[in-house]
Amino acid sequence: MRTTILALGILGVLITPAFAGRPVTDEERTKLVEALKAQGCTGGKMEFDSNKFEVDDATCADGKKYDLDFDQAFALLKKKAD
């Protein structure tokens, strides 16, 4: 019984897909670039994940890299030093 439960647990982990963000569309990218510019930032890796837009490793006016999160209306939710 114990072996069966353990085997089912391992199987569940192996077949469960990893939930990752999706790439942003061209239209979303254009709006994100504008939202980043408003924060004094450029570049970074963009994706949509967990009902928000995430930009990782954007370079901002102070020369440092940040991770930024924006809501679906492209308003800033969080800006965290990388």
Protein backbone atom coordinates (compact mmCIF):
# COMPACT_ATOMS: atom_id res chain seq x y z
CA MET A 1 0.00 0.00 0.00
CA ARG A 2 2.75 2.42 0.96
CA THR A 3 4.66 1.63 -2.24
CA THR A 4 1.54 2.23 -4.33
CA ILE A 5 0.96 5.65 -2.77
CA LEU A 6 4.60 6.59 -3.26
CA ALA A 7 4.52 5.42 -6.90
CA LEU A 8 1.35 7.41 -7.60
CA GLY A 9 2.89 10.50 -6.01
CA ILE A 10 6.00 10.24 -8.16
CA LEU A 11 3.91 9.61 -11.26
CA GLY A 12 1.80 12.69 -10.49
CA VAL A 13 4.90 14.86 -10.26
CA LEU A 14 6.29 13.50 -13.52
CA ILE A 15 3.15 13.96 -15.60
CA THR A 16 2.07 17.33 -14.19
CA PRO A 17 3.06 20.00 -16.70
CA ALA A 18 5.13 22.90 -15.47
CA PHE A 19 2.99 26.01 -15.59
CA ALA A 20 5.10 28.73 -17.10
CA GLY A 21 4.20 32.12 -18.42
CA ARG A 22 3.34 32.69 -22.04
CA PRO A 23 5.19 35.01 -24.39
CA VAL A 24 3.64 38.44 -24.85
CA THR A 25 1.94 39.34 -28.11
CA ASP A 26 3.30 42.08 -30.37
CA GLU A 27 0.53 44.42 -29.18
CA GLU A 28 1.29 43.67 -25.52
CA ARG A 29 5.01 44.14 -26.13
CA THR A 30 4.40 47.62 -27.56
CA LYS A 31 2.38 48.60 -24.48
CA LEU A 32 4.93 47.07 -22.11
CA VAL A 33 7.77 48.98 -23.77
CA GLU A 34 5.81 52.20 -23.16
CA ALA A 35 5.11 51.22 -19.54
CA LEU A 36 8.80 50.44 -19.03
CA LYS A 37 9.80 53.74 -20.58
CA ALA A 38 7.47 55.55 -18.15
CA GLN A 39 9.44 53.89 -15.32
CA GLY A 40 12.76 54.94 -16.87
CA CYS A 41 13.60 51.38 -17.93
CA THR A 42 14.32 49.45 -21.13
CA GLY A 43 14.85 45.89 -22.28
CA GLY A 44 14.35 42.76 -20.25
CA LYS A 45 12.60 39.46 -20.79
CA MET A 46 8.82 39.86 -21.06
CA GLU A 47 6.10 37.31 -20.34
CA PHE A 48 2.53 37.07 -19.09
CA ASP A 49 2.24 34.89 -16.00
CA SER A 50 -0.25 34.61 -13.12
CA ASN A 51 -2.56 37.32 -14.53
CA LYS A 52 0.21 39.91 -14.74
CA PHE A 53 2.97 40.98 -17.07
CA GLU A 54 6.50 40.30 -15.85
CA VAL A 55 9.66 41.93 -17.15
CA ASP A 56 12.86 40.39 -15.82
CA ASP A 57 16.27 42.07 -15.95
CA ALA A 58 15.14 45.44 -17.31
CA THR A 59 17.84 48.11 -17.18
CA CYS A 60 16.66 51.34 -15.56
CA ALA A 61 17.91 54.92 -15.54
CA ASP A 62 20.17 54.29 -12.52
CA GLY A 63 22.03 51.63 -14.54
CA LYS A 64 20.78 48.78 -12.35
CA LYS A 65 18.67 45.80 -13.39
CA TYR A 66 15.17 45.31 -12.04
CA ASP A 67 12.28 42.86 -12.24
CA LEU A 68 9.00 44.69 -12.84
CA ASP A 69 5.40 43.46 -12.69
CA PHE A 70 2.51 45.21 -14.43
CA ASP A 71 -1.21 44.55 -14.20
CA GLN A 72 -3.35 43.82 -17.26
CA ALA A 73 -3.85 47.57 -17.79
CA PHE A 74 -0.03 47.98 -17.81
CA ALA A 75 0.06 49.83 -14.47
CA LEU A 76 3.14 49.12 -12.34
CA LEU A 77 2.53 46.62 -9.53
CA LYS A 78 6.08 45.99 -8.34
CA LYS A 79 9.65 47.04 -9.09
CA LYS A 80 12.31 44.93 -7.41
CA ALA A 81 16.08 45.26 -7.73
CA ASP A 82 17.51 42.19 -9.41
